[in-house]
Amino acid sequence: MMLSLPLRHHRLLPLLLIILLSILGVNAVHGSSNTKNGIFKIDRQVAQNPGSETHSLKYQLYNRCSEGYVQIKRTRSKKGNRIQILARGRRQKSITTHLIFESRAGGDIYIKSPQTKKYICFNKKGKLILRHTQKPQCLFTQVQRSDNYTELRSKANEEWYIGFRENGKRLKGYARRNRRKEKCFHFVVVNLTPAPPKPWKIKGFLNRRRRS
């Protein structure tokens, strides 16, 4: 025996069906990828979320290939003054070799020069450049190797790494595919952030007074 629905319920069925289809359509749009060319595959919510927690520490990057520290400094040439990124720093105390690692949720980092306020980034052709603002192409992941060297992999394109030639000049991010240049993408990360002071112990102080 079939149950008959009131007439008003029959009129609501098409409306309910339209609402259901519209909800499914919205979810399908939000679940699709926003990447057009497939070059930069990155979680933009992590990279551009201003509310995410940030930790800033000061480091230096010693390049295995150039045997120098990464430095960001102003240089003079016939074309005028410009800011360059090189791996020719020989003095550990030089402020041009000091870098700020700004960590984000998940451990990814932005690398900034405290002197010029510019970030190390990749452009769309895999070339290292400097920017004043944080972009998805400026986000990196630290990869710890078994030989204790560190690699800096682009979050935007996981096949690109920061690297420098023997003369300290930049390498394209995809040049790491060449095994002969692999060591040019290896770094020693030197921590310049001072350790917090040890807590003062009252008990030890009293013991020293008694001995004296």
C-alpha atoms as a PDB file:
ATOM      1  CA  MET A   1       0.000   0.000   0.000  1.00  0.00           C
ATOM      2  CA  MET A   2       1.571   3.321  -1.076  1.00  0.00           C
ATOM      3  CA  LEU A   3       1.386   6.406   1.100  1.00  0.00           C
ATOM      4  CA  SER A   4       0.245   9.580  -0.585  1.00  0.00           C
ATOM      5  CA  LEU A   5       1.941  12.865   0.329  1.00  0.00           C
ATOM      6  CA  PRO A   6      -0.002  16.090   0.715  1.00  0.00           C
ATOM      7  CA  LEU A   7      -0.027  18.407  -2.271  1.00  0.00           C
ATOM      8  CA  ARG A   8       2.167  21.011  -0.586  1.00  0.00           C
ATOM      9  CA  HIS A   9       4.892  18.394  -0.057  1.00  0.00           C
ATOM     10  CA  HIS A  10       4.915  17.608  -3.782  1.00  0.00           C
ATOM     11  CA  ARG A  11       5.507  21.299  -4.486  1.00  0.00           C
ATOM     12  CA  LEU A  12       8.476  21.439  -2.074  1.00  0.00           C
ATOM     13  CA  LEU A  13      10.324  18.460  -3.606  1.00  0.00           C
ATOM     14  CA  PRO A  14      11.701  20.348  -6.676  1.00  0.00           C
ATOM     15  CA  LEU A  15      12.836  23.208  -4.424  1.00  0.00           C
ATOM     16  CA  LEU A  16      14.654  20.829  -2.057  1.00  0.00           C
ATOM     17  CA  LEU A  17      16.318  19.124  -5.027  1.00  0.00           C
ATOM     18  CA  ILE A  18      17.618  22.472  -6.359  1.00  0.00           C
ATOM     19  CA  ILE A  19      19.054  23.412  -2.943  1.00  0.00           C
ATOM     20  CA  LEU A  20      20.811  20.036  -2.644  1.00  0.00           C
ATOM     21  CA  LEU A  21      22.400  20.336  -6.102  1.00  0.00           C
ATOM     22  CA  SER A  22      23.601  23.871  -5.394  1.00  0.00           C
ATOM     23  CA  ILE A  23      25.328  22.738  -2.170  1.00  0.00           C
ATOM     24  CA  LEU A  24      27.079  19.898  -3.988  1.00  0.00           C
ATOM     25  CA  GLY A  25      28.209  22.289  -6.714  1.00  0.00           C
ATOM     26  CA  VAL A  26      29.761  24.734  -4.218  1.00  0.00           C
ATOM     27  CA  ASN A  27      31.730  21.934  -2.536  1.00  0.00           C
ATOM     28  CA  ALA A  28      33.020  20.743  -5.888  1.00  0.00           C
ATOM     29  CA  VAL A  29      34.291  24.241  -6.750  1.00  0.00           C
ATOM     30  CA  HIS A  30      36.099  24.690  -3.420  1.00  0.00           C
ATOM     31  CA  GLY A  31      37.665  21.247  -3.700  1.00  0.00           C
ATOM     32  CA  SER A  32      39.217  21.959  -7.096  1.00  0.00           C
ATOM     33  CA  SER A  33      42.839  23.084  -7.486  1.00  0.00           C
ATOM     34  CA  ASN A  34      43.604  26.776  -8.011  1.00  0.00           C
ATOM     35  CA  THR A  35      46.948  26.058  -9.700  1.00  0.00           C
ATOM     36  CA  LYS A  36      46.879  27.111 -13.349  1.00  0.00           C
ATOM     37  CA  ASN A  37      50.259  26.083 -14.687  1.00  0.00           C
ATOM     38  CA  GLY A  38      51.255  23.472 -12.103  1.00  0.00           C
ATOM     39  CA  ILE A  39      54.511  25.286 -11.254  1.00  0.00           C
ATOM     40  CA  PHE A  40      53.755  26.537  -7.771  1.00  0.00           C
ATOM     41  CA  LYS A  41      52.018  23.853  -5.737  1.00  0.00           C
ATOM     42  CA  ILE A  42      51.743  25.355  -2.275  1.00  0.00           C
ATOM     43  CA  ASP A  43      49.383  25.645   0.647  1.00  0.00           C
ATOM     44  CA  ARG A  44      48.629  29.345   0.348  1.00  0.00           C
ATOM     45  CA  GLN A  45      46.671  29.384   3.601  1.00  0.00           C
ATOM     46  CA  VAL A  46      49.886  28.590   5.477  1.00  0.00           C
ATOM     47  CA  ALA A  47      52.037  30.900   3.346  1.00  0.00           C
ATOM     48  CA  GLN A  48      49.799  33.971   3.493  1.00  0.00           C
ATOM     49  CA  ASN A  49      47.856  33.624   6.720  1.00  0.00           C
ATOM     50  CA  PRO A  50      48.792  36.713   8.759  1.00  0.00           C
ATOM     51  CA  GLY A  51      47.355  35.182  11.917  1.00  0.00           C
ATOM     52  CA  SER A  52      49.685  32.190  11.942  1.00  0.00           C
ATOM     53  CA  GLU A  53      52.236  32.014  14.750  1.00  0.00           C
ATOM     54  CA  THR A  54      55.726  33.222  13.811  1.00  0.00           C
ATOM     55  CA  HIS A  55      59.110  32.496  15.395  1.00  0.00           C
ATOM     56  CA  SER A  56      62.158  34.491  14.255  1.00  0.00           C
ATOM     57  CA  LEU A  57      65.723  33.287  14.813  1.00  0.00           C
ATOM     58  CA  LYS A  58      69.030  34.536  13.452  1.00  0.00           C
ATOM     59  CA  TYR A  59      71.264  32.186  11.425  1.00  0.00           C
ATOM     60  CA  GLN A  60      74.047  32.046   8.853  1.00  0.00           C
ATOM     61  CA  LEU A  61      74.233  29.726   5.852  1.00  0.00           C
ATOM     62  CA  TYR A  62      77.664  28.364   4.935  1.00  0.00           C
ATOM     63  CA  ASN A  63      77.672  26.965   1.413  1.00  0.00           C
ATOM     64  CA  ARG A  64      79.667  23.783   0.845  1.00  0.00           C
ATOM     65  CA  CYS A  65      80.484  24.560  -2.785  1.00  0.00           C
ATOM     66  CA  SER A  66      81.618  28.210  -2.540  1.00  0.00           C
ATOM     67  CA  GLU A  67      83.038  27.783   0.983  1.00  0.00           C
ATOM     68  CA  GLY A  68      81.473  31.107   1.907  1.00  0.00           C
ATOM     69  CA  TYR A  69      78.492  32.471   3.790  1.00  0.00           C
ATOM     70  CA  VAL A  70      75.320  33.509   2.000  1.00  0.00           C
ATOM     71  CA  GLN A  71      75.136  37.274   2.073  1.00  0.00           C
ATOM     72  CA  ILE A  72      72.665  39.892   0.919  1.00  0.00           C
ATOM     73  CA  LYS A  73      74.329  43.238   0.374  1.00  0.00           C
ATOM     74  CA  ARG A  74      74.267  46.436  -1.655  1.00  0.00           C
ATOM     75  CA  THR A  75      76.801  46.587  -4.469  1.00  0.00           C
ATOM     76  CA  ARG A  76      77.853  49.366  -6.832  1.00  0.00           C
ATOM     77  CA  SER A  77      78.176  48.904 -10.563  1.00  0.00           C
ATOM     78  CA  LYS A  78      77.963  50.907 -13.788  1.00  0.00           C
ATOM     79  CA  LYS A  79      74.211  50.347 -13.746  1.00  0.00           C
ATOM     80  CA  GLY A  80      73.938  51.877 -10.280  1.00  0.00           C
ATOM     81  CA  ASN A  81      73.455  50.509  -6.792  1.00  0.00           C
ATOM     82  CA  ARG A  82      71.666  47.202  -6.391  1.00  0.00           C
ATOM     83  CA  ILE A  83      71.125  44.496  -3.800  1.00  0.00           C
ATOM     84  CA  GLN A  84      72.579  41.077  -4.578  1.00  0.00           C
ATOM     85  CA  ILE A  85      72.441  37.619  -3.041  1.00  0.00           C
ATOM     86  CA  LEU A  86      75.780  35.795  -3.123  1.00  0.00           C
ATOM     87  CA  ALA A  87      77.665  33.124  -1.166  1.00  0.00           C
ATOM     88  CA  ARG A  88      81.005  34.893  -0.879  1.00  0.00           C
ATOM     89  CA  GLY A  89      80.942  35.996   2.747  1.00  0.00           C
ATOM     90  CA  ARG A  90      84.244  35.220   4.474  1.00  0.00           C
ATOM     91  CA  ARG A  91      83.754  37.042   7.760  1.00  0.00           C
ATOM     92  CA  GLN A  92      81.368  35.410  10.181  1.00  0.00           C
ATOM     93  CA  LYS A  93      80.795  38.678  12.040  1.00  0.00           C
ATOM     94  CA  SER A  94      79.720  40.572   8.912  1.00  0.00           C
ATOM     95  CA  ILE A  95      76.101  41.717   9.226  1.00  0.00           C
ATOM     96  CA  THR A  96      75.583  41.038   5.501  1.00  0.00           C
ATOM     97  CA  THR A  97      75.795  37.315   6.276  1.00  0.00           C
ATOM     98  CA  HIS A  98      73.175  37.438   9.031  1.00  0.00           C
ATOM     99  CA  LEU A  99      69.788  36.005   8.073  1.00  0.00           C
ATOM    100  CA  ILE A 100      66.461  35.833   9.872  1.00  0.00           C
ATOM    101  CA  PHE A 101      64.528  32.557   9.651  1.00  0.00           C
ATOM    102  CA  GLU A 102      60.823  33.249  10.150  1.00  0.00           C
ATOM    103  CA  SER A 103      59.178  29.905  10.840  1.00  0.00           C
ATOM    104  CA  ARG A 104      55.538  29.128  10.117  1.00  0.00           C
ATOM    105  CA  ALA A 105      53.146  26.385  11.158  1.00  0.00           C
ATOM    106  CA  GLY A 106      54.498  23.041   9.990  1.00  0.00           C
ATOM    107  CA  GLY A 107      58.158  24.110  10.202  1.00  0.00           C
ATOM    108  CA  ASP A 108      58.427  25.960   6.863  1.00  0.00           C
ATOM    109  CA  ILE A 109      60.459  29.174   6.847  1.00  0.00           C
ATOM    110  CA  TYR A 110      60.920  32.531   5.178  1.00  0.00           C
ATOM    111  CA  ILE A 111      64.531  33.754   4.957  1.00  0.00           C
ATOM    112  CA  LYS A 112      65.043  37.517   5.322  1.00  0.00           C
ATOM    113  CA  SER A 113      67.987  39.875   5.488  1.00  0.00           C
ATOM    114  CA  PRO A 114      67.761  42.012   8.664  1.00  0.00           C
ATOM    115  CA  GLN A 115      69.789  44.724   6.941  1.00  0.00           C
ATOM    116  CA  THR A 116      67.860  45.110   3.669  1.00  0.00           C
ATOM    117  CA  LYS A 117      64.500  43.700   4.923  1.00  0.00           C
ATOM    118  CA  LYS A 118      64.254  41.589   1.756  1.00  0.00           C
ATOM    119  CA  TYR A 119      63.237  37.923   1.459  1.00  0.00           C
ATOM    120  CA  ILE A 120      64.987  35.216  -0.555  1.00  0.00           C
ATOM    121  CA  CYS A 121      62.559  33.880  -3.187  1.00  0.00           C
ATOM    122  CA  PHE A 122      62.347  32.047  -6.494  1.00  0.00           C
ATOM    123  CA  ASN A 123      60.817  33.579  -9.579  1.00  0.00           C
ATOM    124  CA  LYS A 124      58.763  31.540 -12.010  1.00  0.00           C
ATOM    125  CA  LYS A 125      61.898  30.567 -13.963  1.00  0.00           C
ATOM    126  CA  GLY A 126      63.646  29.069 -10.933  1.00  0.00           C
ATOM    127  CA  LYS A 127      66.042  31.979 -10.383  1.00  0.00           C
ATOM    128  CA  LEU A 128      66.842  33.250  -6.898  1.00  0.00           C
ATOM    129  CA  ILE A 129      65.609  36.807  -6.386  1.00  0.00           C
ATOM    130  CA  LEU A 130      64.863  39.184  -3.515  1.00  0.00           C
ATOM    131  CA  ARG A 131      61.471  40.585  -2.558  1.00  0.00           C
ATOM    132  CA  HIS A 132      60.202  43.072   0.027  1.00  0.00           C
ATOM    133  CA  THR A 133      57.039  41.069   0.713  1.00  0.00           C
ATOM    134  CA  GLN A 134      56.315  37.435   1.551  1.00  0.00           C
ATOM    135  CA  LYS A 135      55.147  35.414  -1.417  1.00  0.00           C
ATOM    136  CA  PRO A 136      54.421  31.671  -1.773  1.00  0.00           C
ATOM    137  CA  GLN A 137      57.646  31.455  -3.814  1.00  0.00           C
ATOM    138  CA  CYS A 138      59.600  32.648  -0.748  1.00  0.00           C
ATOM    139  CA  LEU A 139      58.674  29.729   1.490  1.00  0.00           C
ATOM    140  CA  PHE A 140      61.226  26.949   2.094  1.00  0.00           C
ATOM    141  CA  THR A 141      61.554  23.636   3.896  1.00  0.00           C
ATOM    142  CA  GLN A 142      64.768  22.581   5.657  1.00  0.00           C
ATOM    143  CA  VAL A 143      65.848  19.067   4.640  1.00  0.00           C
ATOM    144  CA  GLN A 144      68.372  17.477   6.988  1.00  0.00           C
ATOM    145  CA  ARG A 145      70.761  15.086   5.240  1.00  0.00           C
ATOM    146  CA  SER A 146      72.432  12.042   6.764  1.00  0.00           C
ATOM    147  CA  ASP A 147      75.842  13.745   6.388  1.00  0.00           C
ATOM    148  CA  ASN A 148      74.624  16.641   8.591  1.00  0.00           C
ATOM    149  CA  TYR A 149      74.355  19.115   5.718  1.00  0.00           C
ATOM    150  CA  THR A 150      71.068  20.956   5.224  1.00  0.00           C
ATOM    151  CA  GLU A 151      69.201  21.564   1.975  1.00  0.00           C
ATOM    152  CA  LEU A 152      66.655  24.336   1.467  1.00  0.00           C
ATOM    153  CA  ARG A 153      63.806  23.101  -0.726  1.00  0.00           C
ATOM    154  CA  SER A 154      61.207  25.392  -2.238  1.00  0.00           C
ATOM    155  CA  LYS A 155      57.713  24.877  -0.913  1.00  0.00           C
ATOM    156  CA  ALA A 156      56.330  26.217  -4.190  1.00  0.00           C
ATOM    157  CA  ASN A 157      58.172  23.646  -6.303  1.00  0.00           C
ATOM    158  CA  GLU A 158      59.708  20.685  -4.482  1.00  0.00           C
ATOM    159  CA  GLU A 159      62.202  20.098  -7.301  1.00  0.00           C
ATOM    160  CA  TRP A 160      63.882  23.464  -6.685  1.00  0.00           C
ATOM    161  CA  TYR A 161      66.595  24.087  -4.080  1.00  0.00           C
ATOM    162  CA  ILE A 162      68.754  27.059  -3.052  1.00  0.00           C
ATOM    163  CA  GLY A 163      72.277  26.656  -4.410  1.00  0.00           C
ATOM    164  CA  PHE A 164      75.420  28.593  -5.337  1.00  0.00           C
ATOM    165  CA  ARG A 165      78.390  28.049  -7.655  1.00  0.00           C
ATOM    166  CA  GLU A 166      82.040  27.810  -6.616  1.00  0.00           C
ATOM    167  CA  ASN A 167      82.369  31.562  -7.286  1.00  0.00           C
ATOM    168  CA  GLY A 168      79.404  32.316  -5.015  1.00  0.00           C
ATOM    169  CA  LYS A 169      76.907  33.175  -7.741  1.00  0.00           C
ATOM    170  CA  ARG A 170      73.348  31.868  -7.738  1.00  0.00           C
ATOM    171  CA  LEU A 171      72.309  28.606  -9.318  1.00  0.00           C
ATOM    172  CA  LYS A 172      68.901  27.919 -10.824  1.00  0.00           C
ATOM    173  CA  GLY A 173      66.691  25.936  -8.482  1.00  0.00           C
ATOM    174  CA  TYR A 174      66.385  22.975 -10.848  1.00  0.00           C
ATOM    175  CA  ALA A 175      70.188  22.667 -11.323  1.00  0.00           C
ATOM    176  CA  ARG A 176      70.283  20.248  -8.410  1.00  0.00           C
ATOM    177  CA  ARG A 177      69.248  17.514 -10.864  1.00  0.00           C
ATOM    178  CA  ASN A 178      72.881  17.545 -12.020  1.00  0.00           C
ATOM    179  CA  ARG A 179      74.677  15.211  -9.596  1.00  0.00           C
ATOM    180  CA  ARG A 180      78.006  16.940 -10.227  1.00  0.00           C
ATOM    181  CA  LYS A 181      76.546  20.119  -8.698  1.00  0.00           C
ATOM    182  CA  GLU A 182      74.740  18.408  -5.833  1.00  0.00           C
ATOM    183  CA  LYS A 183      77.126  19.645  -3.139  1.00  0.00           C
ATOM    184  CA  CYS A 184      76.490  23.234  -4.260  1.00  0.00           C
ATOM    185  CA  PHE A 185      73.052  22.906  -2.641  1.00  0.00           C
ATOM    186  CA  HIS A 186      74.417  21.805   0.740  1.00  0.00           C
ATOM    187  CA  PHE A 187      74.639  24.203   3.686  1.00  0.00           C
ATOM    188  CA  VAL A 188      75.851  24.320   7.243  1.00  0.00           C
ATOM    189  CA  VAL A 189      73.319  26.250   9.322  1.00  0.00           C
ATOM    190  CA  VAL A 190      75.048  28.354  11.991  1.00  0.00           C
ATOM    191  CA  ASN A 191      72.852  29.489  14.867  1.00  0.00           C
ATOM    192  CA  LEU A 192      73.489  33.101  15.907  1.00  0.00           C
ATOM    193  CA  THR A 193      70.616  33.379  18.367  1.00  0.00           C
ATOM    194  CA  PRO A 194      72.045  33.586  21.899  1.00  0.00           C
ATOM    195  CA  ALA A 195      70.996  30.845  24.281  1.00  0.00           C
ATOM    196  CA  PRO A 196      68.710  31.925  27.147  1.00  0.00           C
ATOM    197  CA  PRO A 197      70.543  32.537  30.441  1.00  0.00           C
ATOM    198  CA  LYS A 198      70.611  29.697  32.921  1.00  0.00           C
ATOM    199  CA  PRO A 199      68.319  30.144  35.937  1.00  0.00           C
ATOM    200  CA  TRP A 200      70.041  31.496  39.020  1.00  0.00           C
ATOM    201  CA  LYS A 201      70.264  28.848  41.737  1.00  0.00           C
ATOM    202  CA  ILE A 202      69.930  30.122  45.305  1.00  0.00           C
ATOM    203  CA  LYS A 203      71.112  26.817  46.772  1.00  0.00           C
ATOM    204  CA  GLY A 204      74.458  26.934  44.964  1.00  0.00           C
ATOM    205  CA  PHE A 205      75.001  30.547  46.004  1.00  0.00           C
ATOM    206  CA  LEU A 206      74.447  29.685  49.682  1.00  0.00           C
ATOM    207  CA  ASN A 207      76.866  26.753  49.470  1.00  0.00           C
ATOM    208  CA  ARG A 208      79.617  29.019  48.084  1.00  0.00           C
ATOM    209  CA  ARG A 209      79.088  31.493  50.928  1.00  0.00           C
ATOM    210  CA  ARG A 210      79.409  28.773  53.569  1.00  0.00           C
ATOM    211  CA  ARG A 211      82.707  27.528  52.090  1.00  0.00           C
ATOM    212  CA  SER A 212      84.165  30.993  52.145  1.00  0.00           C
END
